[in-house]
Amino acid sequence: MAITMTAAAARHIRDQLKKRGKGVGIKVAVRTSGCSGMAYVLEFVDVKADEDSMFISQDLEIHSDPKSLVYLDGTELDFVKEGLNEGFQFNNPNVASECGCGESFNV
């Protein structure tokens, strides 16, 4: 099981960690939400939780809890700029469908 990130995502996360002044990486999780059932959650990580899995990608730590990792295995986190819009994009091979607005998904 693994979660990875692109160079663009790593640059953005490093910039945010630097602005924040602390942190060892990010945590990627899912929660029940939205019209399709689940939504992605990103948080900064200051200390690894005992139950979390940790992956290294682009020399950054990515953490995920066991329940979320079932839905996130194989996901690549990207940071995309399109015109005036920018944000994280989750390339998740487990997704069966997404809502029209792209905020939630179903497996």
N, C-alpha and C. Protein backbone atom coordinates (compact mmCIF):
# COMPACT_ATOMS: atom_id res chain seq x y z
N MET A 1 0.85 -1.19 0.00
CA MET A 1 0.00 0.00 0.00
C MET A 1 0.89 1.24 0.00
N ALA A 2 0.47 2.24 -0.77
CA ALA A 2 1.29 3.45 -0.84
C ALA A 2 0.47 4.64 -1.35
N ILE A 3 0.88 5.81 -0.94
CA ILE A 3 0.37 7.08 -1.46
C ILE A 3 1.61 7.86 -1.89
N THR A 4 1.54 8.49 -3.07
CA THR A 4 2.68 9.25 -3.58
C THR A 4 2.23 10.67 -3.93
N MET A 5 3.21 11.50 -4.30
CA MET A 5 2.88 12.85 -4.75
C MET A 5 3.80 13.25 -5.88
N THR A 6 3.33 14.17 -6.69
CA THR A 6 4.12 14.70 -7.79
C THR A 6 5.08 15.77 -7.27
N ALA A 7 6.01 16.16 -8.12
CA ALA A 7 6.95 17.23 -7.76
C ALA A 7 6.20 18.54 -7.49
N ALA A 8 5.15 18.81 -8.25
CA ALA A 8 4.36 20.04 -8.06
C ALA A 8 3.69 20.05 -6.68
N ALA A 9 3.13 18.91 -6.28
CA ALA A 9 2.50 18.81 -4.96
C ALA A 9 3.54 18.98 -3.87
N ALA A 10 4.70 18.37 -4.04
CA ALA A 10 5.77 18.47 -3.05
C ALA A 10 6.23 19.92 -2.88
N ARG A 11 6.40 20.63 -3.99
CA ARG A 11 6.81 22.05 -3.92
C ARG A 11 5.79 22.86 -3.11
N HIS A 12 4.50 22.65 -3.40
CA HIS A 12 3.46 23.41 -2.70
C HIS A 12 3.45 23.06 -1.20
N ILE A 13 3.57 21.80 -0.88
CA ILE A 13 3.56 21.38 0.52
C ILE A 13 4.78 21.92 1.25
N ARG A 14 5.95 21.85 0.62
CA ARG A 14 7.16 22.42 1.25
C ARG A 14 6.99 23.91 1.52
N ASP A 15 6.42 24.64 0.56
CA ASP A 15 6.18 26.08 0.75
C ASP A 15 5.25 26.31 1.93
N GLN A 16 4.19 25.52 2.04
CA GLN A 16 3.23 25.70 3.13
C GLN A 16 3.85 25.34 4.48
N LEU A 17 4.65 24.27 4.51
CA LEU A 17 5.32 23.90 5.76
C LEU A 17 6.30 24.98 6.19
N LYS A 18 6.99 25.58 5.22
CA LYS A 18 7.93 26.66 5.53
C LYS A 18 7.19 27.87 6.10
N LYS A 19 6.07 28.25 5.47
CA LYS A 19 5.27 29.38 5.96
C LYS A 19 4.73 29.09 7.36
N ARG A 20 4.35 27.84 7.58
CA ARG A 20 3.79 27.43 8.87
C ARG A 20 4.87 27.41 9.96
N GLY A 21 6.11 27.12 9.57
CA GLY A 21 7.20 27.14 10.52
C GLY A 21 7.41 25.84 11.28
N LYS A 22 6.64 24.82 10.98
CA LYS A 22 6.81 23.51 11.63
C LYS A 22 6.05 22.46 10.83
N GLY A 23 6.30 21.21 11.18
CA GLY A 23 5.61 20.10 10.53
C GLY A 23 6.57 19.14 9.88
N VAL A 24 6.19 17.87 9.85
CA VAL A 24 7.02 16.83 9.25
C VAL A 24 6.46 16.33 7.93
N GLY A 25 5.23 16.74 7.62
CA GLY A 25 4.61 16.28 6.38
C GLY A 25 3.12 16.55 6.40
N ILE A 26 2.39 15.73 5.63
CA ILE A 26 0.94 15.88 5.56
C ILE A 26 0.26 14.55 5.85
N LYS A 27 -0.99 14.64 6.26
CA LYS A 27 -1.83 13.46 6.44
C LYS A 27 -2.93 13.54 5.40
N VAL A 28 -3.12 12.43 4.69
CA VAL A 28 -4.19 12.31 3.71
C VAL A 28 -5.19 11.32 4.27
N ALA A 29 -6.44 11.72 4.32
CA ALA A 29 -7.49 10.87 4.87
C ALA A 29 -8.78 11.06 4.07
N VAL A 30 -9.77 10.27 4.40
CA VAL A 30 -11.10 10.45 3.82
C VAL A 30 -12.10 10.54 4.96
N ARG A 31 -13.21 11.21 4.68
CA ARG A 31 -14.31 11.27 5.66
C ARG A 31 -15.61 11.16 4.89
N THR A 32 -16.65 10.75 5.57
CA THR A 32 -17.96 10.66 4.95
C THR A 32 -18.48 12.07 4.74
N SER A 33 -18.80 12.38 3.47
CA SER A 33 -19.23 13.74 3.15
C SER A 33 -19.64 13.81 1.69
N GLY A 34 -20.33 14.86 1.35
CA GLY A 34 -20.64 15.15 -0.04
C GLY A 34 -21.72 14.28 -0.63
N CYS A 35 -22.03 14.54 -1.87
CA CYS A 35 -23.13 13.84 -2.53
C CYS A 35 -22.73 12.45 -3.02
N SER A 36 -21.41 12.16 -3.12
CA SER A 36 -20.99 10.85 -3.58
C SER A 36 -20.53 9.93 -2.46
N GLY A 37 -20.43 10.44 -1.26
CA GLY A 37 -20.15 9.58 -0.12
C GLY A 37 -18.89 9.88 0.67
N MET A 38 -17.77 10.19 0.00
CA MET A 38 -16.52 10.43 0.71
C MET A 38 -15.82 11.66 0.15
N ALA A 39 -15.07 12.32 1.04
CA ALA A 39 -14.29 13.49 0.63
C ALA A 39 -12.88 13.36 1.18
N TYR A 40 -11.94 13.95 0.48
CA TYR A 40 -10.54 13.93 0.91
C TYR A 40 -10.31 14.97 1.99
N VAL A 41 -9.40 14.65 2.90
CA VAL A 41 -9.01 15.56 3.97
C VAL A 41 -7.48 15.63 3.98
N LEU A 42 -6.95 16.83 4.00
CA LEU A 42 -5.50 17.05 4.12
C LEU A 42 -5.23 17.84 5.38
N GLU A 43 -4.24 17.39 6.15
CA GLU A 43 -3.84 18.08 7.38
C GLU A 43 -2.33 18.09 7.47
N PHE A 44 -1.79 19.06 8.15
CA PHE A 44 -0.36 19.04 8.45
C PHE A 44 -0.11 18.04 9.56
N VAL A 45 1.07 17.44 9.55
CA VAL A 45 1.47 16.49 10.60
C VAL A 45 2.68 17.06 11.32
N ASP A 46 2.55 17.16 12.63
CA ASP A 46 3.68 17.58 13.45
C ASP A 46 4.37 16.38 14.09
N VAL A 47 3.58 15.37 14.46
CA VAL A 47 4.09 14.15 15.08
C VAL A 47 3.29 12.98 14.53
N LYS A 48 3.97 11.90 14.15
CA LYS A 48 3.31 10.72 13.60
C LYS A 48 2.44 10.06 14.66
N ALA A 49 1.17 9.78 14.32
CA ALA A 49 0.29 9.02 15.19
C ALA A 49 0.68 7.55 15.09
N ASP A 50 0.65 6.84 16.20
CA ASP A 50 1.08 5.44 16.24
C ASP A 50 0.36 4.57 15.23
N GLU A 51 -0.93 4.80 15.04
CA GLU A 51 -1.72 3.94 14.16
C GLU A 51 -1.57 4.28 12.67
N ASP A 52 -1.01 5.43 12.36
CA ASP A 52 -0.89 5.87 10.97
C ASP A 52 0.24 5.15 10.23
N SER A 53 0.01 4.92 8.94
CA SER A 53 1.08 4.46 8.05
C SER A 53 1.79 5.70 7.53
N MET A 54 3.07 5.56 7.23
CA MET A 54 3.83 6.68 6.71
C MET A 54 4.55 6.25 5.44
N PHE A 55 4.51 7.12 4.43
CA PHE A 55 5.19 6.89 3.17
C PHE A 55 6.07 8.10 2.89
N ILE A 56 7.16 7.87 2.20
CA ILE A 56 8.04 8.96 1.78
C ILE A 56 7.90 9.11 0.28
N SER A 57 7.59 10.32 -0.16
CA SER A 57 7.49 10.62 -1.58
C SER A 57 8.05 12.02 -1.79
N GLN A 58 8.93 12.16 -2.77
CA GLN A 58 9.56 13.47 -3.04
C GLN A 58 10.24 14.01 -1.77
N ASP A 59 10.78 13.12 -0.96
CA ASP A 59 11.46 13.47 0.30
C ASP A 59 10.55 14.13 1.33
N LEU A 60 9.25 13.89 1.23
CA LEU A 60 8.28 14.38 2.21
C LEU A 60 7.51 13.21 2.80
N GLU A 61 7.08 13.36 4.05
CA GLU A 61 6.29 12.32 4.69
C GLU A 61 4.81 12.49 4.34
N ILE A 62 4.18 11.36 3.99
CA ILE A 62 2.74 11.31 3.79
C ILE A 62 2.20 10.30 4.80
N HIS A 63 1.25 10.73 5.63
CA HIS A 63 0.68 9.87 6.65
C HIS A 63 -0.77 9.57 6.29
N SER A 64 -1.25 8.40 6.72
CA SER A 64 -2.66 8.06 6.51
C SER A 64 -3.09 7.06 7.57
N ASP A 65 -4.32 7.21 8.05
CA ASP A 65 -4.84 6.29 9.04
C ASP A 65 -5.30 5.00 8.35
N PRO A 66 -5.38 3.89 9.09
CA PRO A 66 -5.71 2.60 8.48
C PRO A 66 -7.05 2.56 7.75
N LYS A 67 -8.07 3.20 8.29
CA LYS A 67 -9.39 3.19 7.65
C LYS A 67 -9.37 3.94 6.32
N SER A 68 -8.65 5.06 6.26
CA SER A 68 -8.58 5.85 5.03
C SER A 68 -7.71 5.16 3.98
N LEU A 69 -6.65 4.51 4.43
CA LEU A 69 -5.70 3.92 3.50
C LEU A 69 -6.34 2.87 2.60
N VAL A 70 -7.37 2.21 3.08
CA VAL A 70 -8.10 1.23 2.27
C VAL A 70 -8.64 1.90 1.00
N TYR A 71 -9.08 3.15 1.11
CA TYR A 71 -9.64 3.89 -0.03
C TYR A 71 -8.59 4.68 -0.81
N LEU A 72 -7.41 4.87 -0.21
CA LEU A 72 -6.40 5.73 -0.81
C LEU A 72 -5.21 4.99 -1.41
N ASP A 73 -5.14 3.68 -1.24
CA ASP A 73 -4.01 2.92 -1.74
C ASP A 73 -3.81 3.15 -3.23
N GLY A 74 -2.61 3.55 -3.60
CA GLY A 74 -2.29 3.81 -5.00
C GLY A 74 -2.54 5.23 -5.45
N THR A 75 -3.03 6.08 -4.57
CA THR A 75 -3.35 7.46 -4.93
C THR A 75 -2.08 8.29 -5.11
N GLU A 76 -2.12 9.15 -6.11
CA GLU A 76 -1.06 10.13 -6.35
C GLU A 76 -1.66 11.51 -6.12
N LEU A 77 -1.02 12.28 -5.26
CA LEU A 77 -1.44 13.65 -4.95
C LEU A 77 -0.70 14.59 -5.89
N ASP A 78 -1.44 15.46 -6.57
CA ASP A 78 -0.85 16.42 -7.50
C ASP A 78 -1.33 17.81 -7.11
N PHE A 79 -0.61 18.84 -7.54
CA PHE A 79 -1.05 20.22 -7.35
C PHE A 79 -1.12 20.84 -8.72
N VAL A 80 -2.31 21.29 -9.10
CA VAL A 80 -2.56 21.73 -10.47
C VAL A 80 -2.98 23.19 -10.49
N LYS A 81 -2.43 23.94 -11.46
CA LYS A 81 -2.83 25.32 -11.69
C LYS A 81 -3.49 25.37 -13.07
N GLU A 82 -4.73 25.84 -13.10
CA GLU A 82 -5.47 25.99 -14.35
C GLU A 82 -6.05 27.39 -14.39
N GLY A 83 -5.44 28.25 -15.17
CA GLY A 83 -5.89 29.64 -15.21
C GLY A 83 -5.70 30.29 -13.86
N LEU A 84 -6.78 30.84 -13.32
CA LEU A 84 -6.72 31.49 -12.01
C LEU A 84 -6.94 30.51 -10.86
N ASN A 85 -7.32 29.28 -11.18
CA ASN A 85 -7.61 28.27 -10.16
C ASN A 85 -6.39 27.39 -9.91
N GLU A 86 -6.23 27.00 -8.67
CA GLU A 86 -5.18 26.07 -8.30
C GLU A 86 -5.64 25.25 -7.12
N GLY A 87 -5.12 24.03 -7.03
CA GLY A 87 -5.49 23.18 -5.91
C GLY A 87 -4.97 21.77 -6.07
N PHE A 88 -5.18 20.98 -5.04
CA PHE A 88 -4.75 19.60 -5.06
C PHE A 88 -5.70 18.77 -5.90
N GLN A 89 -5.11 17.82 -6.61
CA GLN A 89 -5.87 16.86 -7.40
C GLN A 89 -5.46 15.47 -6.92
N PHE A 90 -6.44 14.62 -6.69
CA PHE A 90 -6.19 13.27 -6.22
C PHE A 90 -6.39 12.30 -7.37
N ASN A 91 -5.32 11.65 -7.81
CA ASN A 91 -5.39 10.65 -8.85
C ASN A 91 -5.52 9.29 -8.15
N ASN A 92 -6.77 8.91 -7.87
CA ASN A 92 -7.07 7.74 -7.05
C ASN A 92 -7.62 6.62 -7.93
N PRO A 93 -6.89 5.52 -8.07
CA PRO A 93 -7.35 4.42 -8.92
C PRO A 93 -8.54 3.66 -8.34
N ASN A 94 -8.90 3.91 -7.10
CA ASN A 94 -10.00 3.19 -6.45
C ASN A 94 -11.36 3.83 -6.67
N VAL A 95 -11.39 5.03 -7.23
CA VAL A 95 -12.63 5.78 -7.39
C VAL A 95 -13.50 5.16 -8.49
N ALA A 96 -14.75 4.86 -8.14
CA ALA A 96 -15.70 4.34 -9.12
C ALA A 96 -16.50 5.48 -9.75
N SER A 97 -16.80 6.52 -8.95
CA SER A 97 -17.53 7.67 -9.47
C SER A 97 -17.24 8.89 -8.62
N GLU A 98 -17.42 10.07 -9.22
CA GLU A 98 -17.24 11.33 -8.52
C GLU A 98 -18.48 12.18 -8.72
N CYS A 99 -18.72 13.08 -7.78
CA CYS A 99 -19.85 13.99 -7.95
C CYS A 99 -19.51 15.02 -9.04
N GLY A 100 -20.48 15.73 -9.50
CA GLY A 100 -20.28 16.71 -10.56
C GLY A 100 -19.33 17.84 -10.20
N CYS A 101 -19.30 18.22 -8.93
CA CYS A 101 -18.43 19.33 -8.53
C CYS A 101 -17.02 18.85 -8.22
N GLY A 102 -16.81 17.54 -8.14
CA GLY A 102 -15.48 16.99 -7.89
C GLY A 102 -15.04 17.01 -6.45
N GLU A 103 -15.94 17.34 -5.54
CA GLU A 103 -15.59 17.42 -4.12
C GLU A 103 -15.68 16.10 -3.39
N SER A 104 -16.43 15.16 -3.92
CA SER A 104 -16.57 13.87 -3.24
C SER A 104 -16.53 12.73 -4.24
N PHE A 105 -16.36 11.51 -3.71
CA PHE A 105 -16.21 10.34 -4.58
C PHE A 105 -16.82 9.10 -3.93
N ASN A 106 -16.90 8.05 -4.71
CA ASN A 106 -17.42 6.77 -4.25
C ASN A 106 -16.51 5.68 -4.78
N VAL A 107 -16.35 4.60 -4.01
CA VAL A 107 -15.53 3.47 -4.47
C VAL A 107 -16.38 2.24 -4.70
